[in-house]
Amino acid sequence: MTRIVGHTRAILTIGDKMKIGYACTLALQDDTKMRSCIAKNASELRLIELIDHNLTALSNILTYNHQQGIKMFRISSDIIPFGSSPINSVDWQTLFQSAFTFLQEQIKRYDMRISMHPGQYTIINSPNPEVVQRAIADLQYHCALLDLLCEDATHKMVLHVGGVYGDKQEAMKRFMAEYRELDETIKRRLIIENDDRYYTLEDVLWIAEKIQIPVVFDNLHHKLNPSLTNLNEKQCLALVKQTWKSVDGRMKMHYSEQDPLKRAGAHASSIDIETFLEFCKDLQKEEVDIMLEVKDKHVSALCVIEALRNKYPWLLEE
């Protein structure tokens, strides 16, 4: 696996109290871009080539992030093309064992926190058993990948509760029942997120209390699909924090802002720094790691880190 990074910049000397991250892509140059293919072109040889390239790209992304002081990163679900599908019959876990060993050492050395976010079709509360089985297979894939990259349970995979299917209470019960049947290796990594349509923060906190699963708070989803309206965001985070155990690491959240020119829920092109700093002003260090969901990815992450260092350095200091 080639290990090169062609873009460098002065290393930011920040502490390890709050981690700031971004999701999935770093489109600086070819050796940091993920590649994929369509199903009809997914021959064994092509898949091996793509996996090799993507693991190299991940290594380069991690190195870049480390150089910039970015301590958290969400890995694309497509890093292993068709990872949970019968289309991919490559024994990639064995074939790329040395690459995964290197990546695991890299993540540990850089003190990087990794996550994944299975897609919108990974729904374990569906009334359709086939949909549920595909969802479980997808969770198994994500979990296997994270287990190869990260030993401890602080590196998480995020899941939405799913659909309502005409009866929200029954759908929530189905989610809990299916969750209880999941393998323990999956449950140690899974966290649930409030969404912008069906399941509010209050809903996911109720589920979390019943099945003992951590909650990730999404601030934009909370604005679009509100609950606990007597509480401010800081107070909401205090409730969310109670769902996290020491083995899970620091509570994490998703932070995004609305694109004013697009549909409700569309992420802004970049983070407005003053708005972000206003959100952060009451946060205590060691309270939360923040995943930015924003179109310009690492660019906003760098701006946010620099702004925090200047305005609220205690959030980042050792």
C-alpha atoms as a PDB file:
ATOM      1  CA  MET A   1       0.000   0.000   0.000  1.00  0.00           C
ATOM      2  CA  THR A   2       1.515   3.301  -1.081  1.00  0.00           C
ATOM      3  CA  ARG A   3       1.775   5.863   1.717  1.00  0.00           C
ATOM      4  CA  ILE A   4       2.185   9.338   0.302  1.00  0.00           C
ATOM      5  CA  VAL A   5       0.619  12.694   0.899  1.00  0.00           C
ATOM      6  CA  GLY A   6       1.335  15.450  -1.537  1.00  0.00           C
ATOM      7  CA  HIS A   7      -0.308  18.335   0.323  1.00  0.00           C
ATOM      8  CA  THR A   8       1.100  19.643   3.590  1.00  0.00           C
ATOM      9  CA  ARG A   9       0.717  22.625   5.831  1.00  0.00           C
ATOM     10  CA  ALA A  10       1.971  23.738   9.221  1.00  0.00           C
ATOM     11  CA  ILE A  11       0.886  21.367  11.966  1.00  0.00           C
ATOM     12  CA  LEU A  12      -1.660  22.847  14.360  1.00  0.00           C
ATOM     13  CA  THR A  13      -0.566  22.360  17.936  1.00  0.00           C
ATOM     14  CA  ILE A  14      -3.891  21.678  19.586  1.00  0.00           C
ATOM     15  CA  GLY A  15      -4.738  19.488  22.509  1.00  0.00           C
ATOM     16  CA  ASP A  16      -6.820  16.376  22.810  1.00  0.00           C
ATOM     17  CA  LYS A  17      -9.820  17.635  24.739  1.00  0.00           C
ATOM     18  CA  MET A  18     -12.263  18.221  21.904  1.00  0.00           C
ATOM     19  CA  LYS A  19     -11.977  16.513  18.542  1.00  0.00           C
ATOM     20  CA  ILE A  20     -13.295  18.205  15.407  1.00  0.00           C
ATOM     21  CA  GLY A  21     -13.942  16.122  12.292  1.00  0.00           C
ATOM     22  CA  TYR A  22     -15.551  15.951   8.873  1.00  0.00           C
ATOM     23  CA  ALA A  23     -17.114  13.243   6.752  1.00  0.00           C
ATOM     24  CA  CYS A  24     -15.944  10.870   4.067  1.00  0.00           C
ATOM     25  CA  THR A  25     -14.053  12.781   1.378  1.00  0.00           C
ATOM     26  CA  LEU A  26     -10.884  14.808   0.932  1.00  0.00           C
ATOM     27  CA  ALA A  27     -10.817  15.792  -2.720  1.00  0.00           C
ATOM     28  CA  LEU A  28      -7.394  17.415  -2.793  1.00  0.00           C
ATOM     29  CA  GLN A  29      -5.768  15.125  -5.337  1.00  0.00           C
ATOM     30  CA  ASP A  30      -6.174  11.658  -6.795  1.00  0.00           C
ATOM     31  CA  ASP A  31      -4.414   9.845  -3.964  1.00  0.00           C
ATOM     32  CA  THR A  32      -6.995  11.056  -1.427  1.00  0.00           C
ATOM     33  CA  LYS A  33     -10.110  10.358  -3.527  1.00  0.00           C
ATOM     34  CA  MET A  34     -12.188   7.209  -3.104  1.00  0.00           C
ATOM     35  CA  ARG A  35     -13.082   5.236  -6.231  1.00  0.00           C
ATOM     36  CA  SER A  36     -16.010   2.972  -7.023  1.00  0.00           C
ATOM     37  CA  CYS A  37     -17.608   1.148  -9.928  1.00  0.00           C
ATOM     38  CA  ILE A  38     -21.038   0.017 -11.073  1.00  0.00           C
ATOM     39  CA  ALA A  39     -22.178  -3.545 -10.467  1.00  0.00           C
ATOM     40  CA  LYS A  40     -21.643  -4.817 -14.014  1.00  0.00           C
ATOM     41  CA  ASN A  41     -17.961  -3.794 -13.846  1.00  0.00           C
ATOM     42  CA  ALA A  42     -17.338  -5.282 -10.406  1.00  0.00           C
ATOM     43  CA  SER A  43     -15.045  -8.134 -11.406  1.00  0.00           C
ATOM     44  CA  GLU A  44     -12.811  -9.623  -8.724  1.00  0.00           C
ATOM     45  CA  LEU A  45      -9.735  -7.966 -10.222  1.00  0.00           C
ATOM     46  CA  ARG A  46     -11.456  -4.579 -10.458  1.00  0.00           C
ATOM     47  CA  LEU A  47     -12.675  -4.793  -6.872  1.00  0.00           C
ATOM     48  CA  ILE A  48      -9.184  -5.665  -5.634  1.00  0.00           C
ATOM     49  CA  GLU A  49      -7.766  -2.667  -7.493  1.00  0.00           C
ATOM     50  CA  LEU A  50     -10.408  -0.368  -6.022  1.00  0.00           C
ATOM     51  CA  ILE A  51      -9.962  -1.627  -2.472  1.00  0.00           C
ATOM     52  CA  ASP A  52      -6.194  -1.232  -2.715  1.00  0.00           C
ATOM     53  CA  HIS A  53      -6.587   2.327  -3.979  1.00  0.00           C
ATOM     54  CA  ASN A  54      -9.205   3.235  -1.368  1.00  0.00           C
ATOM     55  CA  LEU A  55      -7.195   1.924   1.575  1.00  0.00           C
ATOM     56  CA  THR A  56      -4.195   3.887   0.324  1.00  0.00           C
ATOM     57  CA  ALA A  57      -6.409   6.964  -0.012  1.00  0.00           C
ATOM     58  CA  LEU A  58      -7.641   6.486   3.561  1.00  0.00           C
ATOM     59  CA  SER A  59      -4.054   6.324   4.802  1.00  0.00           C
ATOM     60  CA  ASN A  60      -3.283   9.550   2.982  1.00  0.00           C
ATOM     61  CA  ILE A  61      -6.408  11.234   4.361  1.00  0.00           C
ATOM     62  CA  LEU A  62      -5.473  10.226   7.903  1.00  0.00           C
ATOM     63  CA  THR A  63      -1.979  11.602   7.447  1.00  0.00           C
ATOM     64  CA  TYR A  64      -3.315  14.870   6.064  1.00  0.00           C
ATOM     65  CA  ASN A  65      -5.818  15.182   8.908  1.00  0.00           C
ATOM     66  CA  HIS A  66      -3.096  14.552  11.476  1.00  0.00           C
ATOM     67  CA  GLN A  67      -0.884  17.202   9.926  1.00  0.00           C
ATOM     68  CA  GLN A  68      -3.739  19.701  10.142  1.00  0.00           C
ATOM     69  CA  GLY A  69      -4.811  18.880  13.688  1.00  0.00           C
ATOM     70  CA  ILE A  70      -8.084  17.280  12.584  1.00  0.00           C
ATOM     71  CA  LYS A  71      -8.660  14.454  15.054  1.00  0.00           C
ATOM     72  CA  MET A  72     -11.888  12.852  13.885  1.00  0.00           C
ATOM     73  CA  PHE A  73     -12.977  11.414  10.541  1.00  0.00           C
ATOM     74  CA  ARG A  74     -15.994   9.544   9.180  1.00  0.00           C
ATOM     75  CA  ILE A  75     -15.001   6.830   6.721  1.00  0.00           C
ATOM     76  CA  SER A  76     -17.126   6.387   3.618  1.00  0.00           C
ATOM     77  CA  SER A  77     -19.241   3.232   3.556  1.00  0.00           C
ATOM     78  CA  ASP A  78     -18.042   2.731  -0.027  1.00  0.00           C
ATOM     79  CA  ILE A  79     -14.383   2.273   0.903  1.00  0.00           C
ATOM     80  CA  ILE A  80     -14.948  -1.441   0.209  1.00  0.00           C
ATOM     81  CA  PRO A  81     -17.155  -1.367  -2.914  1.00  0.00           C
ATOM     82  CA  PHE A  82     -20.261  -3.548  -2.465  1.00  0.00           C
ATOM     83  CA  GLY A  83     -18.902  -4.424   0.980  1.00  0.00           C
ATOM     84  CA  SER A  84     -22.146  -5.967   2.248  1.00  0.00           C
ATOM     85  CA  SER A  85     -23.359  -7.311  -1.099  1.00  0.00           C
ATOM     86  CA  PRO A  86     -22.915 -10.763  -2.673  1.00  0.00           C
ATOM     87  CA  ILE A  87     -21.508  -8.853  -5.662  1.00  0.00           C
ATOM     88  CA  ASN A  88     -18.241  -8.592  -3.740  1.00  0.00           C
ATOM     89  CA  SER A  89     -16.863 -12.082  -3.075  1.00  0.00           C
ATOM     90  CA  VAL A  90     -13.290 -10.896  -2.479  1.00  0.00           C
ATOM     91  CA  ASP A  91     -11.846 -12.025   0.862  1.00  0.00           C
ATOM     92  CA  TRP A  92     -10.721  -8.456   1.471  1.00  0.00           C
ATOM     93  CA  GLN A  93     -10.253  -8.857   5.217  1.00  0.00           C
ATOM     94  CA  THR A  94      -7.527 -11.446   4.625  1.00  0.00           C
ATOM     95  CA  LEU A  95      -6.108 -10.124   1.371  1.00  0.00           C
ATOM     96  CA  PHE A  96      -5.498  -6.650   2.812  1.00  0.00           C
ATOM     97  CA  GLN A  97      -4.586  -7.693   6.346  1.00  0.00           C
ATOM     98  CA  SER A  98      -1.236  -5.885   6.296  1.00  0.00           C
ATOM     99  CA  ALA A  99      -2.894  -2.691   5.040  1.00  0.00           C
ATOM    100  CA  PHE A 100      -5.464  -2.819   7.836  1.00  0.00           C
ATOM    101  CA  THR A 101      -2.716  -3.421  10.393  1.00  0.00           C
ATOM    102  CA  PHE A 102      -0.888  -0.331   9.152  1.00  0.00           C
ATOM    103  CA  LEU A 103      -4.081   1.744   9.206  1.00  0.00           C
ATOM    104  CA  GLN A 104      -4.890   0.614  12.743  1.00  0.00           C
ATOM    105  CA  GLU A 105      -1.412   1.636  13.900  1.00  0.00           C
ATOM    106  CA  GLN A 106      -1.826   4.946  12.102  1.00  0.00           C
ATOM    107  CA  ILE A 107      -5.179   5.680  13.773  1.00  0.00           C
ATOM    108  CA  LYS A 108      -3.756   4.826  17.181  1.00  0.00           C
ATOM    109  CA  ARG A 109      -0.566   6.848  16.652  1.00  0.00           C
ATOM    110  CA  TYR A 110      -2.500   9.892  15.459  1.00  0.00           C
ATOM    111  CA  ASP A 111      -5.078   9.574  18.266  1.00  0.00           C
ATOM    112  CA  MET A 112      -7.737   9.748  15.563  1.00  0.00           C
ATOM    113  CA  ARG A 113     -11.382   8.965  16.296  1.00  0.00           C
ATOM    114  CA  ILE A 114     -13.050   7.107  13.447  1.00  0.00           C
ATOM    115  CA  SER A 115     -16.724   6.586  12.676  1.00  0.00           C
ATOM    116  CA  MET A 116     -19.000   5.289   9.943  1.00  0.00           C
ATOM    117  CA  HIS A 117     -22.618   6.023   9.039  1.00  0.00           C
ATOM    118  CA  PRO A 118     -24.540   3.258   7.225  1.00  0.00           C
ATOM    119  CA  GLY A 119     -26.893   4.696   4.634  1.00  0.00           C
ATOM    120  CA  GLN A 120     -30.596   5.419   4.476  1.00  0.00           C
ATOM    121  CA  TYR A 121     -31.492   1.894   3.350  1.00  0.00           C
ATOM    122  CA  THR A 122     -29.968   0.265   6.433  1.00  0.00           C
ATOM    123  CA  ILE A 123     -33.243  -0.021   8.349  1.00  0.00           C
ATOM    124  CA  ILE A 124     -33.622  -2.591  11.102  1.00  0.00           C
ATOM    125  CA  ASN A 125     -37.163  -1.589  12.092  1.00  0.00           C
ATOM    126  CA  SER A 126     -38.712  -2.362   8.707  1.00  0.00           C
ATOM    127  CA  PRO A 127     -41.718  -4.731   8.772  1.00  0.00           C
ATOM    128  CA  ASN A 128     -40.137  -6.452   5.749  1.00  0.00           C
ATOM    129  CA  PRO A 129     -37.798  -9.247   6.962  1.00  0.00           C
ATOM    130  CA  GLU A 130     -35.710  -9.074   3.788  1.00  0.00           C
ATOM    131  CA  VAL A 131     -34.988  -5.385   4.362  1.00  0.00           C
ATOM    132  CA  VAL A 132     -33.987  -6.168   7.938  1.00  0.00           C
ATOM    133  CA  GLN A 133     -31.661  -8.973   6.852  1.00  0.00           C
ATOM    134  CA  ARG A 134     -29.941  -6.706   4.331  1.00  0.00           C
ATOM    135  CA  ALA A 135     -29.618  -4.060   7.020  1.00  0.00           C
ATOM    136  CA  ILE A 136     -28.025  -6.514   9.432  1.00  0.00           C
ATOM    137  CA  ALA A 137     -25.600  -7.635   6.719  1.00  0.00           C
ATOM    138  CA  ASP A 138     -24.671  -3.993   6.175  1.00  0.00           C
ATOM    139  CA  LEU A 139     -24.099  -3.459   9.892  1.00  0.00           C
ATOM    140  CA  GLN A 140     -21.934  -6.588   9.965  1.00  0.00           C
ATOM    141  CA  TYR A 141     -19.834  -5.175   7.126  1.00  0.00           C
ATOM    142  CA  HIS A 142     -19.379  -1.799   8.825  1.00  0.00           C
ATOM    143  CA  CYS A 143     -18.570  -3.464  12.129  1.00  0.00           C
ATOM    144  CA  ALA A 144     -16.020  -5.816  10.541  1.00  0.00           C
ATOM    145  CA  LEU A 145     -14.291  -2.875   8.904  1.00  0.00           C
ATOM    146  CA  LEU A 146     -14.188  -0.845  12.114  1.00  0.00           C
ATOM    147  CA  ASP A 147     -12.899  -3.856  14.044  1.00  0.00           C
ATOM    148  CA  LEU A 148     -10.006  -4.139  11.590  1.00  0.00           C
ATOM    149  CA  LEU A 149      -9.182  -0.457  12.025  1.00  0.00           C
ATOM    150  CA  CYS A 150      -9.877   0.244  15.695  1.00  0.00           C
ATOM    151  CA  GLU A 151      -9.641  -1.997  18.737  1.00  0.00           C
ATOM    152  CA  ASP A 152     -11.718  -0.108  21.285  1.00  0.00           C
ATOM    153  CA  ALA A 153     -15.403   0.777  21.269  1.00  0.00           C
ATOM    154  CA  THR A 154     -14.984   4.569  21.093  1.00  0.00           C
ATOM    155  CA  HIS A 155     -15.043   4.362  17.278  1.00  0.00           C
ATOM    156  CA  LYS A 156     -18.737   4.246  16.412  1.00  0.00           C
ATOM    157  CA  MET A 157     -21.210   3.640  13.613  1.00  0.00           C
ATOM    158  CA  VAL A 158     -24.254   5.894  13.471  1.00  0.00           C
ATOM    159  CA  LEU A 159     -27.734   4.661  12.611  1.00  0.00           C
ATOM    160  CA  HIS A 160     -31.132   6.313  12.280  1.00  0.00           C
ATOM    161  CA  VAL A 161     -34.069   4.552  13.906  1.00  0.00           C
ATOM    162  CA  GLY A 162     -35.770   4.114  10.517  1.00  0.00           C
ATOM    163  CA  GLY A 163     -39.309   4.491   9.251  1.00  0.00           C
ATOM    164  CA  VAL A 164     -42.668   4.868  10.980  1.00  0.00           C
ATOM    165  CA  TYR A 165     -44.767   2.542   8.771  1.00  0.00           C
ATOM    166  CA  GLY A 166     -48.090   3.915  10.002  1.00  0.00           C
ATOM    167  CA  ASP A 167     -47.478   3.194  13.691  1.00  0.00           C
ATOM    168  CA  LYS A 168     -44.574   4.971  15.314  1.00  0.00           C
ATOM    169  CA  GLN A 169     -44.786   3.181  18.654  1.00  0.00           C
ATOM    170  CA  GLU A 170     -44.776  -0.237  17.001  1.00  0.00           C
ATOM    171  CA  ALA A 171     -41.879   0.829  14.767  1.00  0.00           C
ATOM    172  CA  MET A 172     -39.885   1.885  17.831  1.00  0.00           C
ATOM    173  CA  LYS A 173     -40.636  -1.429  19.515  1.00  0.00           C
ATOM    174  CA  ARG A 174     -39.479  -3.263  16.381  1.00  0.00           C
ATOM    175  CA  PHE A 175     -36.230  -1.310  16.399  1.00  0.00           C
ATOM    176  CA  MET A 176     -35.586  -2.261  20.011  1.00  0.00           C
ATOM    177  CA  ALA A 177     -36.452  -5.907  19.421  1.00  0.00           C
ATOM    178  CA  GLU A 178     -34.132  -6.154  16.421  1.00  0.00           C
ATOM    179  CA  TYR A 179     -31.379  -4.304  18.272  1.00  0.00           C
ATOM    180  CA  ARG A 180     -31.494  -6.780  21.139  1.00  0.00           C
ATOM    181  CA  GLU A 181     -30.904  -9.625  18.672  1.00  0.00           C
ATOM    182  CA  LEU A 182     -27.818  -8.042  17.100  1.00  0.00           C
ATOM    183  CA  ASP A 183     -24.400  -9.506  17.717  1.00  0.00           C
ATOM    184  CA  GLU A 184     -22.557  -7.932  20.639  1.00  0.00           C
ATOM    185  CA  THR A 185     -19.744  -6.854  18.312  1.00  0.00           C
ATOM    186  CA  ILE A 186     -22.251  -4.641  16.499  1.00  0.00           C
ATOM    187  CA  LYS A 187     -23.954  -3.338  19.633  1.00  0.00           C
ATOM    188  CA  ARG A 188     -20.658  -2.142  21.135  1.00  0.00           C
ATOM    189  CA  ARG A 189     -20.227   0.220  18.183  1.00  0.00           C
ATOM    190  CA  LEU A 190     -23.774   1.281  17.328  1.00  0.00           C
ATOM    191  CA  ILE A 191     -25.188   4.690  18.272  1.00  0.00           C
ATOM    192  CA  ILE A 192     -28.501   6.240  17.210  1.00  0.00           C
ATOM    193  CA  GLU A 193     -29.245   9.716  15.885  1.00  0.00           C
ATOM    194  CA  ASN A 194     -32.304  11.939  15.929  1.00  0.00           C
ATOM    195  CA  ASP A 195     -33.511  12.566  12.380  1.00  0.00           C
ATOM    196  CA  ASP A 196     -35.195  15.458  10.589  1.00  0.00           C
ATOM    197  CA  ARG A 197     -38.545  13.782   9.855  1.00  0.00           C
ATOM    198  CA  TYR A 198     -39.659  10.960  12.128  1.00  0.00           C
ATOM    199  CA  TYR A 199     -37.667  10.415  15.297  1.00  0.00           C
ATOM    200  CA  THR A 200     -37.011  13.386  17.539  1.00  0.00           C
ATOM    201  CA  LEU A 201     -34.334  13.702  20.172  1.00  0.00           C
ATOM    202  CA  GLU A 202     -36.947  12.840  22.784  1.00  0.00           C
ATOM    203  CA  ASP A 203     -37.806   9.661  20.859  1.00  0.00           C
ATOM    204  CA  VAL A 204     -34.214   8.443  20.597  1.00  0.00           C
ATOM    205  CA  LEU A 205     -33.525   9.268  24.249  1.00  0.00           C
ATOM    206  CA  TRP A 206     -36.529   7.129  25.177  1.00  0.00           C
ATOM    207  CA  ILE A 207     -35.194   4.263  23.066  1.00  0.00           C
ATOM    208  CA  ALA A 208     -31.711   4.735  24.516  1.00  0.00           C
ATOM    209  CA  GLU A 209     -33.015   4.379  28.050  1.00  0.00           C
ATOM    210  CA  LYS A 210     -34.801   1.143  27.159  1.00  0.00           C
ATOM    211  CA  ILE A 211     -31.924  -0.615  25.358  1.00  0.00           C
ATOM    212  CA  GLN A 212     -28.863   1.200  26.730  1.00  0.00           C
ATOM    213  CA  ILE A 213     -27.493   2.624  23.486  1.00  0.00           C
ATOM    214  CA  PRO A 214     -25.634   5.947  23.120  1.00  0.00           C
ATOM    215  CA  VAL A 215     -27.316   8.840  21.322  1.00  0.00           C
ATOM    216  CA  VAL A 216     -25.642  11.221  18.877  1.00  0.00           C
ATOM    217  CA  PHE A 217     -27.291  14.649  18.843  1.00  0.00           C
ATOM    218  CA  ASP A 218     -27.766  16.326  15.454  1.00  0.00           C
ATOM    219  CA  ASN A 219     -28.411  20.031  15.939  1.00  0.00           C
ATOM    220  CA  LEU A 220     -29.935  20.718  12.497  1.00  0.00           C
ATOM    221  CA  HIS A 221     -32.244  17.710  12.714  1.00  0.00           C
ATOM    222  CA  HIS A 222     -33.327  18.955  16.129  1.00  0.00           C
ATOM    223  CA  LYS A 223     -34.262  22.342  14.672  1.00  0.00           C
ATOM    224  CA  LEU A 224     -36.264  20.760  11.855  1.00  0.00           C
ATOM    225  CA  ASN A 225     -37.892  18.049  13.980  1.00  0.00           C
ATOM    226  CA  PRO A 226     -37.998  19.588  17.445  1.00  0.00           C
ATOM    227  CA  SER A 227     -38.820  18.128  20.834  1.00  0.00           C
ATOM    228  CA  LEU A 228     -37.954  19.007  24.428  1.00  0.00           C
ATOM    229  CA  THR A 229     -38.674  22.585  23.410  1.00  0.00           C
ATOM    230  CA  ASN A 230     -38.331  23.797  27.000  1.00  0.00           C
ATOM    231  CA  LEU A 231     -34.611  22.923  26.827  1.00  0.00           C
ATOM    232  CA  ASN A 232     -31.797  24.710  25.015  1.00  0.00           C
ATOM    233  CA  GLU A 233     -29.152  22.810  23.045  1.00  0.00           C
ATOM    234  CA  LYS A 234     -26.748  22.766  25.980  1.00  0.00           C
ATOM    235  CA  GLN A 235     -29.416  21.151  28.158  1.00  0.00           C
ATOM    236  CA  CYS A 236     -30.221  18.665  25.394  1.00  0.00           C
ATOM    237  CA  LEU A 237     -26.564  17.685  25.243  1.00  0.00           C
ATOM    238  CA  ALA A 238     -26.573  17.124  28.999  1.00  0.00           C
ATOM    239  CA  LEU A 239     -29.352  14.558  28.549  1.00  0.00           C
ATOM    240  CA  VAL A 240     -27.547  12.930  25.630  1.00  0.00           C
ATOM    241  CA  LYS A 241     -24.347  12.657  27.652  1.00  0.00           C
ATOM    242  CA  GLN A 242     -26.124  10.414  30.150  1.00  0.00           C
ATOM    243  CA  THR A 243     -26.480   7.747  27.443  1.00  0.00           C
ATOM    244  CA  TRP A 244     -22.690   7.460  27.004  1.00  0.00           C
ATOM    245  CA  LYS A 245     -20.637   5.110  29.175  1.00  0.00           C
ATOM    246  CA  SER A 246     -16.890   5.404  29.738  1.00  0.00           C
ATOM    247  CA  VAL A 247     -16.260   2.513  27.333  1.00  0.00           C
ATOM    248  CA  ASP A 248     -17.961   4.534  24.578  1.00  0.00           C
ATOM    249  CA  GLY A 249     -15.553   7.454  24.910  1.00  0.00           C
ATOM    250  CA  ARG A 250     -16.600  11.075  24.802  1.00  0.00           C
ATOM    251  CA  MET A 251     -20.069  11.923  23.625  1.00  0.00           C
ATOM    252  CA  LYS A 252     -20.084  12.958  19.972  1.00  0.00           C
ATOM    253  CA  MET A 253     -22.538  15.098  18.057  1.00  0.00           C
ATOM    254  CA  HIS A 254     -23.228  16.191  14.494  1.00  0.00           C
ATOM    255  CA  TYR A 255     -23.108  19.908  13.827  1.00  0.00           C
ATOM    256  CA  SER A 256     -24.430  21.450  10.633  1.00  0.00           C
ATOM    257  CA  GLU A 257     -26.174  24.562   9.373  1.00  0.00           C
ATOM    258  CA  GLN A 258     -29.025  24.975   6.907  1.00  0.00           C
ATOM    259  CA  ASP A 259     -28.224  25.955   3.328  1.00  0.00           C
ATOM    260  CA  PRO A 260     -30.518  28.993   2.912  1.00  0.00           C
ATOM    261  CA  LEU A 261     -31.018  28.341  -0.806  1.00  0.00           C
ATOM    262  CA  LYS A 262     -31.942  24.656  -0.645  1.00  0.00           C
ATOM    263  CA  ARG A 263     -34.567  22.336   0.809  1.00  0.00           C
ATOM    264  CA  ALA A 264     -34.939  22.054   4.567  1.00  0.00           C
ATOM    265  CA  GLY A 265     -32.184  19.810   5.906  1.00  0.00           C
ATOM    266  CA  ALA A 266     -29.659  20.521   3.148  1.00  0.00           C
ATOM    267  CA  HIS A 267     -26.253  21.187   4.656  1.00  0.00           C
ATOM    268  CA  ALA A 268     -24.625  24.563   4.150  1.00  0.00           C
ATOM    269  CA  SER A 269     -21.606  24.909   1.890  1.00  0.00           C
ATOM    270  CA  SER A 270     -19.470  26.041   4.815  1.00  0.00           C
ATOM    271  CA  ILE A 271     -19.773  26.583   8.550  1.00  0.00           C
ATOM    272  CA  ASP A 272     -20.548  30.116   9.671  1.00  0.00           C
ATOM    273  CA  ILE A 273     -17.849  30.652  12.272  1.00  0.00           C
ATOM    274  CA  GLU A 274     -19.728  33.163  14.427  1.00  0.00           C
ATOM    275  CA  THR A 275     -22.748  30.851  14.614  1.00  0.00           C
ATOM    276  CA  PHE A 276     -20.513  27.924  15.537  1.00  0.00           C
ATOM    277  CA  LEU A 277     -18.670  29.897  18.220  1.00  0.00           C
ATOM    278  CA  GLU A 278     -21.994  30.975  19.697  1.00  0.00           C
ATOM    279  CA  PHE A 279     -22.972  27.309  19.924  1.00  0.00           C
ATOM    280  CA  CYS A 280     -19.659  26.417  21.600  1.00  0.00           C
ATOM    281  CA  LYS A 281     -19.457  29.237  24.129  1.00  0.00           C
ATOM    282  CA  ASP A 282     -20.989  27.246  26.989  1.00  0.00           C
ATOM    283  CA  LEU A 283     -19.313  23.924  26.242  1.00  0.00           C
ATOM    284  CA  GLN A 284     -16.880  22.522  28.768  1.00  0.00           C
ATOM    285  CA  LYS A 285     -13.751  20.783  27.565  1.00  0.00           C
ATOM    286  CA  GLU A 286     -13.923  16.995  27.446  1.00  0.00           C
ATOM    287  CA  GLU A 287     -17.689  17.244  26.998  1.00  0.00           C
ATOM    288  CA  VAL A 288     -18.173  16.486  23.309  1.00  0.00           C
ATOM    289  CA  ASP A 289     -16.466  15.640  20.027  1.00  0.00           C
ATOM    290  CA  ILE A 290     -18.023  17.422  17.038  1.00  0.00           C
ATOM    291  CA  MET A 291     -18.484  15.960  13.569  1.00  0.00           C
ATOM    292  CA  LEU A 292     -19.099  18.727  11.053  1.00  0.00           C
ATOM    293  CA  GLU A 293     -21.589  17.860   8.316  1.00  0.00           C
ATOM    294  CA  VAL A 294     -20.791  20.464   5.693  1.00  0.00           C
ATOM    295  CA  LYS A 295     -20.189  20.562   1.955  1.00  0.00           C
ATOM    296  CA  ASP A 296     -16.635  21.918   2.058  1.00  0.00           C
ATOM    297  CA  LYS A 297     -15.509  19.191   4.483  1.00  0.00           C
ATOM    298  CA  HIS A 298     -11.933  19.753   5.720  1.00  0.00           C
ATOM    299  CA  VAL A 299     -11.976  23.452   4.835  1.00  0.00           C
ATOM    300  CA  SER A 300     -14.606  24.229   7.462  1.00  0.00           C
ATOM    301  CA  ALA A 301     -12.899  21.866   9.916  1.00  0.00           C
ATOM    302  CA  LEU A 302      -9.667  23.856   9.638  1.00  0.00           C
ATOM    303  CA  CYS A 303     -11.520  27.158  10.040  1.00  0.00           C
ATOM    304  CA  VAL A 304     -13.404  25.874  13.081  1.00  0.00           C
ATOM    305  CA  ILE A 305     -10.232  24.614  14.768  1.00  0.00           C
ATOM    306  CA  GLU A 306      -8.464  27.907  14.185  1.00  0.00           C
ATOM    307  CA  ALA A 307     -11.462  29.865  15.497  1.00  0.00           C
ATOM    308  CA  LEU A 308     -11.660  27.740  18.643  1.00  0.00           C
ATOM    309  CA  ARG A 309      -7.945  28.179  19.288  1.00  0.00           C
ATOM    310  CA  ASN A 310      -8.394  31.929  19.123  1.00  0.00           C
ATOM    311  CA  LYS A 311     -11.739  32.314  20.927  1.00  0.00           C
ATOM    312  CA  TYR A 312     -12.121  29.351  23.298  1.00  0.00           C
ATOM    313  CA  PRO A 313      -8.663  27.764  23.603  1.00  0.00           C
ATOM    314  CA  TRP A 314      -9.638  25.880  26.769  1.00  0.00           C
ATOM    315  CA  LEU A 315     -11.825  23.595  24.673  1.00  0.00           C
ATOM    316  CA  LEU A 316      -8.714  22.332  22.891  1.00  0.00           C
ATOM    317  CA  GLU A 317      -5.944  22.665  25.463  1.00  0.00           C
ATOM    318  CA  GLU A 318      -4.341  19.714  27.196  1.00  0.00           C
END
